[in-house]
């Protein structure tokens, strides 16, 4: 007996569209620690140890969050002596985070 398998229509890959890219950006920001880091970097560039001191988060955790933010191209690092200084890649992301925090505060 012959069986035919009907495959579903291929779904449209949205990962390279503005919607897919926006979703990836929001996914990279979807952690309170990363939101805090972006908020701090919106004020000024910082080294890891400065973020650790300001946020009270362990150094390995801060480094992991920075790695996620760098992979999403939301922050950049510049070598200064023995340290990396982190800065926001652009300030659109600080507006997104600021608006999200303001929105959350309004609905508490």
N, C-alpha and C. Protein backbone atom coordinates (compact mmCIF):
# COMPACT_ATOMS: atom_id res chain seq x y z
N UNK A 1 0.84 -1.17 0.00
CA UNK A 1 0.00 0.00 0.00
C UNK A 1 0.89 1.24 0.00
N UNK A 2 0.59 2.15 -0.86
CA UNK A 2 1.34 3.40 -0.95
C UNK A 2 0.75 4.42 0.00
N UNK A 3 1.65 5.10 0.66
CA UNK A 3 1.21 6.20 1.53
C UNK A 3 1.87 7.47 1.06
N UNK A 4 1.10 8.49 1.00
CA UNK A 4 1.63 9.79 0.62
C UNK A 4 1.65 10.68 1.85
N UNK A 5 2.78 11.29 2.02
CA UNK A 5 2.89 12.24 3.13
C UNK A 5 2.82 13.63 2.53
N UNK A 6 1.87 14.36 2.99
CA UNK A 6 1.72 15.73 2.51
C UNK A 6 2.45 16.64 3.48
N UNK A 7 3.47 17.27 2.97
CA UNK A 7 4.20 18.18 3.85
C UNK A 7 3.51 19.52 3.89
N UNK A 8 3.57 20.11 5.07
CA UNK A 8 2.96 21.44 5.16
C UNK A 8 3.75 22.43 4.31
N UNK A 9 3.07 23.48 3.95
CA UNK A 9 3.75 24.52 3.17
C UNK A 9 4.92 25.06 4.00
N UNK A 10 6.02 25.33 3.31
CA UNK A 10 7.14 25.88 4.06
C UNK A 10 6.75 27.21 4.71
N UNK A 11 7.13 27.33 5.96
CA UNK A 11 6.81 28.56 6.66
C UNK A 11 7.81 29.64 6.29
N UNK A 12 7.33 30.83 6.27
CA UNK A 12 8.17 31.99 5.95
C UNK A 12 9.16 32.21 7.09
N UNK A 13 10.44 32.23 6.78
CA UNK A 13 11.48 32.47 7.77
C UNK A 13 11.56 33.97 8.03
N UNK A 14 11.20 34.38 9.23
CA UNK A 14 11.19 35.80 9.55
C UNK A 14 12.46 36.27 10.26
N UNK A 15 13.43 35.36 10.46
CA UNK A 15 14.61 35.73 11.23
C UNK A 15 15.41 36.87 10.61
N UNK A 16 15.36 37.02 9.29
CA UNK A 16 16.10 38.09 8.63
C UNK A 16 15.24 39.32 8.33
N UNK A 17 14.05 39.34 8.87
CA UNK A 17 13.17 40.49 8.67
C UNK A 17 13.32 41.42 9.87
N UNK A 18 12.84 42.63 9.76
CA UNK A 18 12.87 43.52 10.93
C UNK A 18 12.16 42.91 12.14
N UNK A 19 11.11 42.13 11.92
CA UNK A 19 10.41 41.49 13.04
C UNK A 19 11.29 40.45 13.72
N UNK A 20 11.97 39.66 12.93
CA UNK A 20 12.86 38.65 13.49
C UNK A 20 14.03 39.28 14.22
N UNK A 21 14.57 40.33 13.66
CA UNK A 21 15.69 41.02 14.30
C UNK A 21 15.24 41.70 15.59
N UNK A 22 14.05 42.27 15.59
CA UNK A 22 13.52 42.89 16.80
C UNK A 22 13.27 41.84 17.88
N UNK A 23 12.78 40.67 17.46
CA UNK A 23 12.55 39.59 18.42
C UNK A 23 13.87 39.13 19.04
N UNK A 24 14.92 39.04 18.23
CA UNK A 24 16.24 38.65 18.75
C UNK A 24 16.77 39.69 19.73
N UNK A 25 16.55 40.96 19.43
CA UNK A 25 16.97 42.04 20.33
C UNK A 25 16.24 41.92 21.66
N UNK A 26 14.93 41.73 21.61
CA UNK A 26 14.14 41.62 22.84
C UNK A 26 14.53 40.37 23.63
N UNK A 27 14.84 39.31 22.94
CA UNK A 27 15.28 38.08 23.62
C UNK A 27 16.59 38.33 24.36
N UNK A 28 17.51 39.05 23.74
CA UNK A 28 18.79 39.35 24.39
C UNK A 28 18.59 40.23 25.62
N UNK A 29 17.56 41.05 25.62
CA UNK A 29 17.29 41.94 26.75
C UNK A 29 16.43 41.29 27.82
N UNK A 30 15.92 40.10 27.56
CA UNK A 30 14.91 39.47 28.41
C UNK A 30 15.48 38.87 29.69
N UNK A 31 16.23 39.67 30.43
CA UNK A 31 16.71 39.25 31.74
C UNK A 31 16.93 40.52 32.57
N UNK A 32 16.47 40.54 33.82
CA UNK A 32 16.62 41.75 34.63
C UNK A 32 18.07 42.23 34.74
N UNK A 33 19.02 41.32 34.83
CA UNK A 33 20.43 41.71 34.92
C UNK A 33 20.91 42.43 33.67
N UNK A 34 20.48 41.95 32.51
CA UNK A 34 20.89 42.60 31.26
C UNK A 34 20.21 43.96 31.12
N UNK A 35 18.97 44.08 31.59
CA UNK A 35 18.30 45.37 31.57
C UNK A 35 19.05 46.37 32.46
N UNK A 36 19.50 45.90 33.62
CA UNK A 36 20.26 46.76 34.53
C UNK A 36 21.57 47.19 33.88
N UNK A 37 22.25 46.28 33.22
CA UNK A 37 23.52 46.60 32.57
C UNK A 37 23.30 47.65 31.49
N UNK A 38 22.27 47.48 30.67
CA UNK A 38 21.99 48.47 29.62
C UNK A 38 21.67 49.83 30.24
N UNK A 39 20.90 49.84 31.31
CA UNK A 39 20.56 51.10 31.97
C UNK A 39 21.83 51.79 32.49
N UNK A 40 22.75 51.03 33.05
CA UNK A 40 24.01 51.61 33.54
C UNK A 40 24.87 52.12 32.39
N UNK A 41 24.95 51.34 31.32
CA UNK A 41 25.76 51.76 30.17
C UNK A 41 25.15 52.95 29.45
N UNK A 42 23.85 53.16 29.62
CA UNK A 42 23.21 54.34 29.02
C UNK A 42 23.73 55.61 29.68
N UNK A 43 24.13 55.50 30.94
CA UNK A 43 24.66 56.66 31.66
C UNK A 43 26.11 56.94 31.26
N UNK A 44 26.93 55.87 31.17
CA UNK A 44 28.33 56.04 30.78
C UNK A 44 28.96 54.67 30.55
N UNK A 45 30.08 54.67 29.84
CA UNK A 45 30.85 53.44 29.61
C UNK A 45 31.34 52.92 30.95
N UNK A 46 31.45 51.60 31.04
CA UNK A 46 31.91 51.01 32.30
C UNK A 46 32.73 49.76 32.03
N UNK A 47 33.61 49.45 33.00
CA UNK A 47 34.35 48.19 33.02
C UNK A 47 33.52 47.17 33.81
N UNK A 48 33.87 45.90 33.67
CA UNK A 48 33.14 44.84 34.37
C UNK A 48 33.11 45.10 35.87
N UNK A 49 34.26 45.43 36.44
CA UNK A 49 34.30 45.61 37.90
C UNK A 49 33.40 46.77 38.35
N UNK A 50 33.25 47.79 37.52
CA UNK A 50 32.35 48.89 37.86
C UNK A 50 30.90 48.41 37.85
N UNK A 51 30.55 47.59 36.87
CA UNK A 51 29.19 47.04 36.81
C UNK A 51 28.94 46.13 38.01
N UNK A 52 29.93 45.33 38.39
CA UNK A 52 29.80 44.46 39.56
C UNK A 52 29.52 45.30 40.79
N UNK A 53 30.29 46.37 40.98
CA UNK A 53 30.13 47.24 42.16
C UNK A 53 28.76 47.92 42.18
N UNK A 54 28.34 48.46 41.05
CA UNK A 54 27.08 49.21 40.98
C UNK A 54 25.87 48.29 41.12
N UNK A 55 25.92 47.14 40.47
CA UNK A 55 24.74 46.26 40.41
C UNK A 55 24.69 45.24 41.53
N UNK A 56 25.85 44.96 42.14
CA UNK A 56 25.87 43.94 43.19
C UNK A 56 25.66 42.54 42.64
N UNK A 57 26.05 42.32 41.41
CA UNK A 57 25.94 41.01 40.75
C UNK A 57 27.35 40.44 40.65
N UNK A 58 27.48 39.14 40.81
CA UNK A 58 28.79 38.49 40.76
C UNK A 58 29.47 38.71 39.40
N UNK A 59 30.78 38.82 39.42
CA UNK A 59 31.56 39.09 38.20
C UNK A 59 31.31 38.08 37.09
N UNK A 60 31.30 36.76 37.39
CA UNK A 60 31.03 35.82 36.28
C UNK A 60 29.65 36.03 35.65
N UNK A 61 28.68 36.39 36.46
CA UNK A 61 27.33 36.63 35.94
C UNK A 61 27.30 37.87 35.06
N UNK A 62 27.95 38.94 35.50
CA UNK A 62 28.02 40.16 34.70
C UNK A 62 28.70 39.85 33.37
N UNK A 63 29.80 39.10 33.41
CA UNK A 63 30.52 38.75 32.18
C UNK A 63 29.64 37.94 31.23
N UNK A 64 28.86 37.00 31.78
CA UNK A 64 27.96 36.21 30.94
C UNK A 64 26.89 37.09 30.29
N UNK A 65 26.33 38.01 31.06
CA UNK A 65 25.32 38.92 30.51
C UNK A 65 25.93 39.79 29.41
N UNK A 66 27.14 40.28 29.65
CA UNK A 66 27.81 41.10 28.64
C UNK A 66 28.08 40.30 27.37
N UNK A 67 28.40 39.02 27.53
CA UNK A 67 28.62 38.17 26.37
C UNK A 67 27.35 38.05 25.53
N UNK A 68 26.20 37.89 26.18
CA UNK A 68 24.92 37.82 25.46
C UNK A 68 24.65 39.15 24.75
N UNK A 69 24.88 40.26 25.44
CA UNK A 69 24.64 41.57 24.85
C UNK A 69 25.59 41.86 23.69
N UNK A 70 26.83 41.39 23.81
CA UNK A 70 27.79 41.57 22.71
C UNK A 70 27.39 40.72 21.51
N UNK A 71 26.97 39.48 21.76
CA UNK A 71 26.56 38.60 20.66
C UNK A 71 25.37 39.18 19.91
N UNK A 72 24.52 39.89 20.62
CA UNK A 72 23.36 40.53 19.98
C UNK A 72 23.73 41.90 19.39
N UNK A 73 24.99 42.26 19.48
CA UNK A 73 25.52 43.54 18.97
C UNK A 73 24.84 44.75 19.62
N UNK A 74 24.52 44.60 20.92
CA UNK A 74 23.92 45.70 21.66
C UNK A 74 24.96 46.49 22.43
N UNK A 75 26.08 45.84 22.76
CA UNK A 75 27.19 46.54 23.42
C UNK A 75 28.48 46.21 22.68
N UNK A 76 29.44 47.10 22.82
CA UNK A 76 30.76 46.88 22.26
C UNK A 76 31.78 47.01 23.39
N UNK A 77 32.94 46.43 23.17
CA UNK A 77 34.01 46.47 24.16
C UNK A 77 35.25 47.09 23.52
N UNK A 78 35.92 47.93 24.29
CA UNK A 78 37.17 48.53 23.87
C UNK A 78 38.21 48.23 24.93
N UNK A 79 39.35 47.73 24.50
CA UNK A 79 40.43 47.39 25.43
C UNK A 79 41.10 48.68 25.91
N UNK A 80 41.16 48.85 27.23
CA UNK A 80 41.84 49.98 27.86
C UNK A 80 42.77 49.38 28.91
N UNK A 81 44.05 49.31 28.57
CA UNK A 81 45.00 48.67 29.48
C UNK A 81 44.68 47.19 29.60
N UNK A 82 44.43 46.76 30.83
CA UNK A 82 44.13 45.34 31.07
C UNK A 82 42.64 45.06 31.09
N UNK A 83 41.83 46.09 30.92
CA UNK A 83 40.39 45.93 31.04
C UNK A 83 39.68 46.25 29.73
N UNK A 84 38.46 45.74 29.63
CA UNK A 84 37.57 46.13 28.55
C UNK A 84 36.58 47.14 29.10
N UNK A 85 36.36 48.21 28.34
CA UNK A 85 35.31 49.17 28.67
C UNK A 85 34.14 48.88 27.75
N UNK A 86 32.98 48.77 28.34
CA UNK A 86 31.78 48.43 27.59
C UNK A 86 30.94 49.68 27.36
N UNK A 87 30.38 49.75 26.18
CA UNK A 87 29.51 50.87 25.81
C UNK A 87 28.36 50.34 24.98
N UNK A 88 27.27 51.08 24.95
CA UNK A 88 26.14 50.68 24.11
C UNK A 88 26.52 50.89 22.65
N UNK A 89 26.11 49.95 21.82
CA UNK A 89 26.40 50.05 20.39
C UNK A 89 25.65 51.23 19.78
N UNK A 90 24.44 51.48 20.24
CA UNK A 90 23.69 52.68 19.86
C UNK A 90 22.68 52.96 20.96
N UNK A 91 22.13 54.13 20.97
CA UNK A 91 21.27 54.51 22.09
C UNK A 91 19.80 54.17 21.88
N UNK A 92 19.47 53.52 20.76
CA UNK A 92 18.09 53.06 20.60
C UNK A 92 17.75 52.07 21.70
N UNK A 93 18.70 51.21 22.01
CA UNK A 93 18.45 50.17 23.01
C UNK A 93 18.20 50.78 24.39
N UNK A 94 18.86 51.88 24.71
CA UNK A 94 18.61 52.52 26.01
C UNK A 94 17.19 53.07 26.07
N UNK A 95 16.68 53.55 24.95
CA UNK A 95 15.30 54.05 24.91
C UNK A 95 14.31 52.89 25.09
N UNK A 96 14.60 51.76 24.46
CA UNK A 96 13.73 50.59 24.59
C UNK A 96 13.67 50.15 26.05
N UNK A 97 14.84 50.05 26.69
CA UNK A 97 14.90 49.61 28.08
C UNK A 97 14.23 50.65 28.99
N UNK A 98 14.52 51.92 28.76
CA UNK A 98 13.90 52.97 29.57
C UNK A 98 12.39 52.96 29.46
N UNK A 99 11.88 52.79 28.24
CA UNK A 99 10.43 52.74 28.04
C UNK A 99 9.82 51.50 28.70
N UNK A 100 10.50 50.37 28.62
CA UNK A 100 9.99 49.14 29.24
C UNK A 100 9.93 49.30 30.75
N UNK A 101 10.96 49.90 31.35
CA UNK A 101 10.97 50.10 32.79
C UNK A 101 9.89 51.07 33.21
N UNK A 102 9.73 52.16 32.45
CA UNK A 102 8.68 53.14 32.75
C UNK A 102 7.30 52.50 32.63
N UNK A 103 7.11 51.69 31.62
CA UNK A 103 5.83 51.02 31.42
C UNK A 103 5.54 50.07 32.59
N UNK A 104 6.54 49.31 33.01
CA UNK A 104 6.35 48.39 34.12
C UNK A 104 6.04 49.14 35.41
N UNK A 105 6.68 50.29 35.62
CA UNK A 105 6.44 51.06 36.83
C UNK A 105 5.03 51.64 36.86
N UNK A 106 4.49 51.99 35.69
CA UNK A 106 3.14 52.54 35.62
C UNK A 106 2.08 51.51 35.97
N UNK A 107 2.38 50.26 35.73
CA UNK A 107 1.37 49.19 35.89
C UNK A 107 1.60 48.35 37.13
N UNK A 108 2.26 48.93 38.13
CA UNK A 108 2.47 48.21 39.38
C UNK A 108 1.35 48.48 40.33
